[in-house]
Amino acid sequence: MVLYVVVIYLIAHIVEGYIVTPWIQHRLVYLPPALILVTQFFMKLFAGSVGVMLATPLMVIAMVLIKELYFGQEWTDDVTDAAA
């Protein structure tokens, strides 16, 4: 019985971590993978392990601010354009 619970948990965790979450993140805020890796690398140099954990959320915040303040675009335009 315990083995079934462990197997179901692992399957749910893998599906959520490798399929659902990346798909949702890609649909809401598109960040190029190379940009994420470079940001994580530099945050590791400057802030250690905490920097790696905060790299992607800080990059999303920076992208939102750049798009809103510099370009004046709404995020809904990007989502519909990316899907087409």
PDB file of N, CA and C in Angstrom:
ATOM      1  N   MET A   1       0.829  -1.198   0.000  1.00  0.00           N
ATOM      2  CA  MET A   1       0.000   0.000   0.000  1.00  0.00           C
ATOM      3  C   MET A   1       0.870   1.257   0.000  1.00  0.00           C
ATOM      4  N   VAL A   2       1.902   1.240   0.804  1.00  0.00           N
ATOM      5  CA  VAL A   2       2.794   2.394   0.880  1.00  0.00           C
ATOM      6  C   VAL A   2       3.499   2.603  -0.451  1.00  0.00           C
ATOM      7  N   LEU A   3       3.835   1.531  -1.116  1.00  0.00           N
ATOM      8  CA  LEU A   3       4.505   1.622  -2.413  1.00  0.00           C
ATOM      9  C   LEU A   3       3.620   2.334  -3.442  1.00  0.00           C
ATOM     10  N   TYR A   4       2.322   2.048  -3.427  1.00  0.00           N
ATOM     11  CA  TYR A   4       1.403   2.728  -4.341  1.00  0.00           C
ATOM     12  C   TYR A   4       1.367   4.227  -4.091  1.00  0.00           C
ATOM     13  N   VAL A   5       1.351   4.611  -2.849  1.00  0.00           N
ATOM     14  CA  VAL A   5       1.325   6.034  -2.499  1.00  0.00           C
ATOM     15  C   VAL A   5       2.605   6.712  -2.972  1.00  0.00           C
ATOM     16  N   VAL A   6       3.736   6.073  -2.774  1.00  0.00           N
ATOM     17  CA  VAL A   6       5.015   6.637  -3.205  1.00  0.00           C
ATOM     18  C   VAL A   6       5.055   6.770  -4.723  1.00  0.00           C
ATOM     19  N   VAL A   7       4.595   5.759  -5.444  1.00  0.00           N
ATOM     20  CA  VAL A   7       4.590   5.799  -6.907  1.00  0.00           C
ATOM     21  C   VAL A   7       3.665   6.902  -7.421  1.00  0.00           C
ATOM     22  N   ILE A   8       2.483   7.012  -6.865  1.00  0.00           N
ATOM     23  CA  ILE A   8       1.544   8.063  -7.273  1.00  0.00           C
ATOM     24  C   ILE A   8       2.119   9.437  -6.969  1.00  0.00           C
ATOM     25  N   TYR A   9       2.731   9.604  -5.814  1.00  0.00           N
ATOM     26  CA  TYR A   9       3.352  10.877  -5.459  1.00  0.00           C
ATOM     27  C   TYR A   9       4.463  11.231  -6.439  1.00  0.00           C
ATOM     28  N   LEU A  10       5.326  10.279  -6.771  1.00  0.00           N
ATOM     29  CA  LEU A  10       6.426  10.551  -7.699  1.00  0.00           C
ATOM     30  C   LEU A  10       5.916  10.907  -9.090  1.00  0.00           C
ATOM     31  N   ILE A  11       4.912  10.196  -9.569  1.00  0.00           N
ATOM     32  CA  ILE A  11       4.346  10.510 -10.878  1.00  0.00           C
ATOM     33  C   ILE A  11       3.731  11.911 -10.882  1.00  0.00           C
ATOM     34  N   ALA A  12       2.967  12.238  -9.851  1.00  0.00           N
ATOM     35  CA  ALA A  12       2.356  13.567  -9.766  1.00  0.00           C
ATOM     36  C   ALA A  12       3.417  14.652  -9.685  1.00  0.00           C
ATOM     37  N   HIS A  13       4.466  14.401  -8.929  1.00  0.00           N
ATOM     38  CA  HIS A  13       5.544  15.382  -8.783  1.00  0.00           C
ATOM     39  C   HIS A  13       6.276  15.591 -10.109  1.00  0.00           C
ATOM     40  N   ILE A  14       6.552  14.526 -10.829  1.00  0.00           N
ATOM     41  CA  ILE A  14       7.248  14.634 -12.112  1.00  0.00           C
ATOM     42  C   ILE A  14       6.382  15.366 -13.136  1.00  0.00           C
ATOM     43  N   VAL A  15       5.117  15.021 -13.219  1.00  0.00           N
ATOM     44  CA  VAL A  15       4.215  15.688 -14.170  1.00  0.00           C
ATOM     45  C   VAL A  15       4.100  17.170 -13.841  1.00  0.00           C
ATOM     46  N   GLU A  16       3.937  17.487 -12.582  1.00  0.00           N
ATOM     47  CA  GLU A  16       3.811  18.898 -12.179  1.00  0.00           C
ATOM     48  C   GLU A  16       5.101  19.661 -12.424  1.00  0.00           C
ATOM     49  N   GLY A  17       6.224  19.064 -12.099  1.00  0.00           N
ATOM     50  CA  GLY A  17       7.495  19.768 -12.185  1.00  0.00           C
ATOM     51  C   GLY A  17       8.048  19.912 -13.591  1.00  0.00           C
ATOM     52  N   TYR A  18       7.803  18.929 -14.440  1.00  0.00           N
ATOM     53  CA  TYR A  18       8.402  18.939 -15.765  1.00  0.00           C
ATOM     54  C   TYR A  18       7.427  19.286 -16.897  1.00  0.00           C
ATOM     55  N   ILE A  19       6.121  19.243 -16.628  1.00  0.00           N
ATOM     56  CA  ILE A  19       5.150  19.521 -17.690  1.00  0.00           C
ATOM     57  C   ILE A  19       4.278  20.721 -17.344  1.00  0.00           C
ATOM     58  N   VAL A  20       3.567  20.656 -16.236  1.00  0.00           N
ATOM     59  CA  VAL A  20       2.560  21.674 -15.923  1.00  0.00           C
ATOM     60  C   VAL A  20       3.201  23.023 -15.614  1.00  0.00           C
ATOM     61  N   THR A  21       4.133  23.071 -14.694  1.00  0.00           N
ATOM     62  CA  THR A  21       4.734  24.344 -14.298  1.00  0.00           C
ATOM     63  C   THR A  21       5.471  25.036 -15.439  1.00  0.00           C
ATOM     64  N   PRO A  22       6.331  24.352 -16.201  1.00  0.00           N
ATOM     65  CA  PRO A  22       6.979  25.048 -17.327  1.00  0.00           C
ATOM     66  C   PRO A  22       5.982  25.540 -18.372  1.00  0.00           C
ATOM     67  N   TRP A  23       4.935  24.769 -18.626  1.00  0.00           N
ATOM     68  CA  TRP A  23       3.937  25.185 -19.608  1.00  0.00           C
ATOM     69  C   TRP A  23       3.229  26.461 -19.152  1.00  0.00           C
ATOM     70  N   ILE A  24       2.838  26.522 -17.892  1.00  0.00           N
ATOM     71  CA  ILE A  24       2.166  27.712 -17.358  1.00  0.00           C
ATOM     72  C   ILE A  24       3.113  28.902 -17.367  1.00  0.00           C
ATOM     73  N   GLN A  25       4.356  28.705 -16.955  1.00  0.00           N
ATOM     74  CA  GLN A  25       5.312  29.807 -16.951  1.00  0.00           C
ATOM     75  C   GLN A  25       5.569  30.315 -18.365  1.00  0.00           C
ATOM     76  N   HIS A  26       5.645  29.429 -19.324  1.00  0.00           N
ATOM     77  CA  HIS A  26       5.882  29.846 -20.705  1.00  0.00           C
ATOM     78  C   HIS A  26       4.697  30.630 -21.245  1.00  0.00           C
ATOM     79  N   ARG A  27       3.494  30.238 -20.888  1.00  0.00           N
ATOM     80  CA  ARG A  27       2.301  30.940 -21.374  1.00  0.00           C
ATOM     81  C   ARG A  27       2.156  32.324 -20.738  1.00  0.00           C
ATOM     82  N   LEU A  28       2.528  32.469 -19.475  1.00  0.00           N
ATOM     83  CA  LEU A  28       2.323  33.738 -18.785  1.00  0.00           C
ATOM     84  C   LEU A  28       3.464  34.716 -19.014  1.00  0.00           C
ATOM     85  N   VAL A  29       4.681  34.286 -18.834  1.00  0.00           N
ATOM     86  CA  VAL A  29       5.844  35.167 -18.975  1.00  0.00           C
ATOM     87  C   VAL A  29       6.917  34.392 -19.717  1.00  0.00           C
ATOM     88  N   TYR A  30       7.173  34.767 -20.968  1.00  0.00           N
ATOM     89  CA  TYR A  30       8.183  34.057 -21.727  1.00  0.00           C
ATOM     90  C   TYR A  30       9.551  34.654 -21.417  1.00  0.00           C
ATOM     91  N   LEU A  31      10.443  33.831 -20.894  1.00  0.00           N
ATOM     92  CA  LEU A  31      11.836  34.200 -20.689  1.00  0.00           C
ATOM     93  C   LEU A  31      12.699  33.229 -21.486  1.00  0.00           C
ATOM     94  N   PRO A  32      13.583  33.732 -22.303  1.00  0.00           N
ATOM     95  CA  PRO A  32      14.472  32.820 -23.036  1.00  0.00           C
ATOM     96  C   PRO A  32      15.309  31.982 -22.068  1.00  0.00           C
ATOM     97  N   PRO A  33      15.436  30.689 -22.331  1.00  0.00           N
ATOM     98  CA  PRO A  33      16.196  29.824 -21.416  1.00  0.00           C
ATOM     99  C   PRO A  33      17.636  30.287 -21.196  1.00  0.00           C
ATOM    100  N   ALA A  34      18.277  30.816 -22.225  1.00  0.00           N
ATOM    101  CA  ALA A  34      19.657  31.297 -22.060  1.00  0.00           C
ATOM    102  C   ALA A  34      19.713  32.460 -21.076  1.00  0.00           C
ATOM    103  N   LEU A  35      18.714  33.331 -21.110  1.00  0.00           N
ATOM    104  CA  LEU A  35      18.660  34.460 -20.178  1.00  0.00           C
ATOM    105  C   LEU A  35      18.498  33.970 -18.738  1.00  0.00           C
ATOM    106  N   ILE A  36      17.694  32.957 -18.541  1.00  0.00           N
ATOM    107  CA  ILE A  36      17.510  32.395 -17.209  1.00  0.00           C
ATOM    108  C   ILE A  36      18.823  31.802 -16.694  1.00  0.00           C
ATOM    109  N   LEU A  37      19.521  31.046 -17.552  1.00  0.00           N
ATOM    110  CA  LEU A  37      20.786  30.427 -17.126  1.00  0.00           C
ATOM    111  C   LEU A  37      21.856  31.465 -16.804  1.00  0.00           C
ATOM    112  N   VAL A  38      21.951  32.501 -17.629  1.00  0.00           N
ATOM    113  CA  VAL A  38      22.941  33.557 -17.373  1.00  0.00           C
ATOM    114  C   VAL A  38      22.611  34.285 -16.078  1.00  0.00           C
ATOM    115  N   THR A  39      21.336  34.568 -15.872  1.00  0.00           N
ATOM    116  CA  THR A  39      20.921  35.251 -14.643  1.00  0.00           C
ATOM    117  C   THR A  39      21.227  34.389 -13.422  1.00  0.00           C
ATOM    118  N   GLN A  40      20.932  33.099 -13.501  1.00  0.00           N
ATOM    119  CA  GLN A  40      21.223  32.210 -12.376  1.00  0.00           C
ATOM    120  C   GLN A  40      22.725  32.123 -12.121  1.00  0.00           C
ATOM    121  N   PHE A  41      23.522  32.106 -13.168  1.00  0.00           N
ATOM    122  CA  PHE A  41      24.978  32.044 -13.010  1.00  0.00           C
ATOM    123  C   PHE A  41      25.497  33.274 -12.275  1.00  0.00           C
ATOM    124  N   PHE A  42      25.079  34.462 -12.719  1.00  0.00           N
ATOM    125  CA  PHE A  42      25.572  35.680 -12.080  1.00  0.00           C
ATOM    126  C   PHE A  42      25.020  35.850 -10.669  1.00  0.00           C
ATOM    127  N   MET A  43      23.782  35.442 -10.443  1.00  0.00           N
ATOM    128  CA  MET A  43      23.236  35.522  -9.090  1.00  0.00           C
ATOM    129  C   MET A  43      23.957  34.553  -8.161  1.00  0.00           C
ATOM    130  N   LYS A  44      24.405  33.413  -8.676  1.00  0.00           N
ATOM    131  CA  LYS A  44      25.191  32.473  -7.868  1.00  0.00           C
ATOM    132  C   LYS A  44      26.518  33.107  -7.476  1.00  0.00           C
ATOM    133  N   LEU A  45      27.133  33.838  -8.412  1.00  0.00           N
ATOM    134  CA  LEU A  45      28.398  34.496  -8.101  1.00  0.00           C
ATOM    135  C   LEU A  45      28.243  35.577  -7.036  1.00  0.00           C
ATOM    136  N   PHE A  46      27.170  36.343  -7.131  1.00  0.00           N
ATOM    137  CA  PHE A  46      27.003  37.489  -6.240  1.00  0.00           C
ATOM    138  C   PHE A  46      26.289  37.162  -4.934  1.00  0.00           C
ATOM    139  N   ALA A  47      25.343  36.219  -4.952  1.00  0.00           N
ATOM    140  CA  ALA A  47      24.536  35.993  -3.754  1.00  0.00           C
ATOM    141  C   ALA A  47      24.497  34.538  -3.301  1.00  0.00           C
ATOM    142  N   GLY A  48      25.238  33.657  -3.951  1.00  0.00           N
ATOM    143  CA  GLY A  48      25.277  32.260  -3.522  1.00  0.00           C
ATOM    144  C   GLY A  48      24.001  31.509  -3.846  1.00  0.00           C
ATOM    145  N   SER A  49      23.690  30.523  -3.011  1.00  0.00           N
ATOM    146  CA  SER A  49      22.526  29.667  -3.251  1.00  0.00           C
ATOM    147  C   SER A  49      21.216  30.436  -3.195  1.00  0.00           C
ATOM    148  N   VAL A  50      21.136  31.417  -2.332  1.00  0.00           N
ATOM    149  CA  VAL A  50      19.921  32.241  -2.255  1.00  0.00           C
ATOM    150  C   VAL A  50      19.724  32.996  -3.568  1.00  0.00           C
ATOM    151  N   GLY A  51      20.811  33.432  -4.163  1.00  0.00           N
ATOM    152  CA  GLY A  51      20.731  34.126  -5.440  1.00  0.00           C
ATOM    153  C   GLY A  51      20.182  33.252  -6.546  1.00  0.00           C
ATOM    154  N   VAL A  52      20.543  31.980  -6.542  1.00  0.00           N
ATOM    155  CA  VAL A  52      20.026  31.057  -7.550  1.00  0.00           C
ATOM    156  C   VAL A  52      18.524  30.874  -7.376  1.00  0.00           C
ATOM    157  N   MET A  53      18.075  30.790  -6.131  1.00  0.00           N
ATOM    158  CA  MET A  53      16.639  30.629  -5.884  1.00  0.00           C
ATOM    159  C   MET A  53      15.853  31.873  -6.283  1.00  0.00           C
ATOM    160  N   LEU A  54      16.463  33.043  -6.145  1.00  0.00           N
ATOM    161  CA  LEU A  54      15.760  34.285  -6.446  1.00  0.00           C
ATOM    162  C   LEU A  54      15.988  34.782  -7.871  1.00  0.00           C
ATOM    163  N   ALA A  55      16.840  34.132  -8.635  1.00  0.00           N
ATOM    164  CA  ALA A  55      17.208  34.636  -9.961  1.00  0.00           C
ATOM    165  C   ALA A  55      16.011  34.713 -10.908  1.00  0.00           C
ATOM    166  N   THR A  56      15.262  33.647 -11.046  1.00  0.00           N
ATOM    167  CA  THR A  56      14.145  33.643 -11.994  1.00  0.00           C
ATOM    168  C   THR A  56      13.022  34.579 -11.558  1.00  0.00           C
ATOM    169  N   PRO A  57      12.590  34.567 -10.293  1.00  0.00           N
ATOM    170  CA  PRO A  57      11.561  35.536  -9.904  1.00  0.00           C
ATOM    171  C   PRO A  57      12.002  36.987 -10.095  1.00  0.00           C
ATOM    172  N   LEU A  58      13.253  37.299  -9.795  1.00  0.00           N
ATOM    173  CA  LEU A  58      13.733  38.668 -10.005  1.00  0.00           C
ATOM    174  C   LEU A  58      13.797  39.016 -11.485  1.00  0.00           C
ATOM    175  N   MET A  59      14.130  38.037 -12.321  1.00  0.00           N
ATOM    176  CA  MET A  59      14.154  38.277 -13.763  1.00  0.00           C
ATOM    177  C   MET A  59      12.744  38.533 -14.289  1.00  0.00           C
ATOM    178  N   VAL A  60      11.762  37.807 -13.771  1.00  0.00           N
ATOM    179  CA  VAL A  60      10.370  38.041 -14.180  1.00  0.00           C
ATOM    180  C   VAL A  60       9.936  39.444 -13.777  1.00  0.00           C
ATOM    181  N   ILE A  61      10.281  39.853 -12.571  1.00  0.00           N
ATOM    182  CA  ILE A  61       9.940  41.209 -12.116  1.00  0.00           C
ATOM    183  C   ILE A  61      10.596  42.249 -13.004  1.00  0.00           C
ATOM    184  N   ALA A  62      11.859  42.026 -13.336  1.00  0.00           N
ATOM    185  CA  ALA A  62      12.559  42.976 -14.216  1.00  0.00           C
ATOM    186  C   ALA A  62      11.926  43.033 -15.593  1.00  0.00           C
ATOM    187  N   MET A  63      11.545  41.885 -16.148  1.00  0.00           N
ATOM    188  CA  MET A  63      10.912  41.877 -17.475  1.00  0.00           C
ATOM    189  C   MET A  63       9.561  42.586 -17.453  1.00  0.00           C
ATOM    190  N   VAL A  64       8.789  42.385 -16.399  1.00  0.00           N
ATOM    191  CA  VAL A  64       7.494  43.071 -16.291  1.00  0.00           C
ATOM    192  C   VAL A  64       7.709  44.575 -16.207  1.00  0.00           C
ATOM    193  N   LEU A  65       8.655  45.003 -15.378  1.00  0.00           N
ATOM    194  CA  LEU A  65       8.924  46.437 -15.259  1.00  0.00           C
ATOM    195  C   LEU A  65       9.415  47.034 -16.575  1.00  0.00           C
ATOM    196  N   ILE A  66      10.283  46.326 -17.265  1.00  0.00           N
ATOM    197  CA  ILE A  66      10.784  46.826 -18.548  1.00  0.00           C
ATOM    198  C   ILE A  66       9.656  46.944 -19.551  1.00  0.00           C
ATOM    199  N   LYS A  67       8.814  45.925 -19.631  1.00  0.00           N
ATOM    200  CA  LYS A  67       7.711  45.971 -20.594  1.00  0.00           C
ATOM    201  C   LYS A  67       6.693  47.042 -20.247  1.00  0.00           C
ATOM    202  N   GLU A  68       6.393  47.187 -18.976  1.00  0.00           N
ATOM    203  CA  GLU A  68       5.382  48.171 -18.573  1.00  0.00           C
ATOM    204  C   GLU A  68       5.906  49.601 -18.654  1.00  0.00           C
ATOM    205  N   LEU A  69       7.119  49.840 -18.174  1.00  0.00           N
ATOM    206  CA  LEU A  69       7.633  51.197 -18.099  1.00  0.00           C
ATOM    207  C   LEU A  69       8.298  51.654 -19.394  1.00  0.00           C
ATOM    208  N   TYR A  70       9.077  50.796 -20.019  1.00  0.00           N
ATOM    209  CA  TYR A  70       9.835  51.204 -21.188  1.00  0.00           C
ATOM    210  C   TYR A  70       9.022  51.060 -22.475  1.00  0.00           C
ATOM    211  N   PHE A  71       8.406  49.919 -22.642  1.00  0.00           N
ATOM    212  CA  PHE A  71       7.660  49.684 -23.872  1.00  0.00           C
ATOM    213  C   PHE A  71       6.190  50.058 -23.756  1.00  0.00           C
ATOM    214  N   GLY A  72       5.658  50.071 -22.548  1.00  0.00           N
ATOM    215  CA  GLY A  72       4.255  50.404 -22.344  1.00  0.00           C
ATOM    216  C   GLY A  72       3.308  49.359 -22.892  1.00  0.00           C
ATOM    217  N   GLN A  73       3.738  48.105 -22.943  1.00  0.00           N
ATOM    218  CA  GLN A  73       2.902  47.033 -23.459  1.00  0.00           C
ATOM    219  C   GLN A  73       2.222  46.301 -22.321  1.00  0.00           C
ATOM    220  N   GLU A  74       1.071  45.702 -22.662  1.00  0.00           N
ATOM    221  CA  GLU A  74       0.391  44.862 -21.691  1.00  0.00           C
ATOM    222  C   GLU A  74       0.784  43.421 -21.946  1.00  0.00           C
ATOM    223  N   TRP A  75       0.744  42.620 -20.891  1.00  0.00           N
ATOM    224  CA  TRP A  75       1.157  41.218 -21.024  1.00  0.00           C
ATOM    225  C   TRP A  75       0.179  40.424 -21.858  1.00  0.00           C
ATOM    226  N   THR A  76      -1.076  40.825 -21.919  1.00  0.00           N
ATOM    227  CA  THR A  76      -2.044  40.050 -22.686  1.00  0.00           C
ATOM    228  C   THR A  76      -1.714  40.062 -24.167  1.00  0.00           C
ATOM    229  N   ASP A  77      -1.098  41.125 -24.660  1.00  0.00           N
ATOM    230  CA  ASP A  77      -0.705  41.175 -26.076  1.00  0.00           C
ATOM    231  C   ASP A  77       0.340  40.123 -26.383  1.00  0.00           C
ATOM    232  N   ASP A  78       1.306  39.920 -25.497  1.00  0.00           N
ATOM    233  CA  ASP A  78       2.367  38.955 -25.724  1.00  0.00           C
ATOM    234  C   ASP A  78       1.837  37.538 -25.723  1.00  0.00           C
ATOM    235  N   VAL A  79       0.916  37.240 -24.822  1.00  0.00           N
ATOM    236  CA  VAL A  79       0.404  35.877 -24.699  1.00  0.00           C
ATOM    237  C   VAL A  79      -0.360  35.498 -25.957  1.00  0.00           C
ATOM    238  N   THR A  80      -1.182  36.401 -26.473  1.00  0.00           N
ATOM    239  CA  THR A  80      -1.943  36.078 -27.676  1.00  0.00           C
ATOM    240  C   THR A  80      -1.047  36.035 -28.900  1.00  0.00           C
ATOM    241  N   ASP A  81      -0.013  36.882 -28.968  1.00  0.00           N
ATOM    242  CA  ASP A  81       0.901  36.860 -30.089  1.00  0.00           C
ATOM    243  C   ASP A  81       1.766  35.602 -30.077  1.00  0.00           C
ATOM    244  N   ALA A  82       2.182  35.169 -28.889  1.00  0.00           N
ATOM    245  CA  ALA A  82       3.040  33.993 -28.786  1.00  0.00           C
ATOM    246  C   ALA A  82       2.275  32.725 -29.126  1.00  0.00           C
ATOM    247  N   ALA A  83       0.986  32.703 -28.819  1.00  0.00           N
ATOM    248  CA  ALA A  83       0.182  31.515 -29.090  1.00  0.00           C
ATOM    249  C   ALA A  83      -0.135  31.392 -30.582  1.00  0.00           C
ATOM    250  N   ALA A  84      -0.136  32.495 -31.276  1.00  0.00           N
ATOM    251  CA  ALA A  84      -0.505  32.450 -32.706  1.00  0.00           C
ATOM    252  C   ALA A  84       0.623  32.022 -33.593  1.00  0.00           C
TER     253      ALA A  84
END
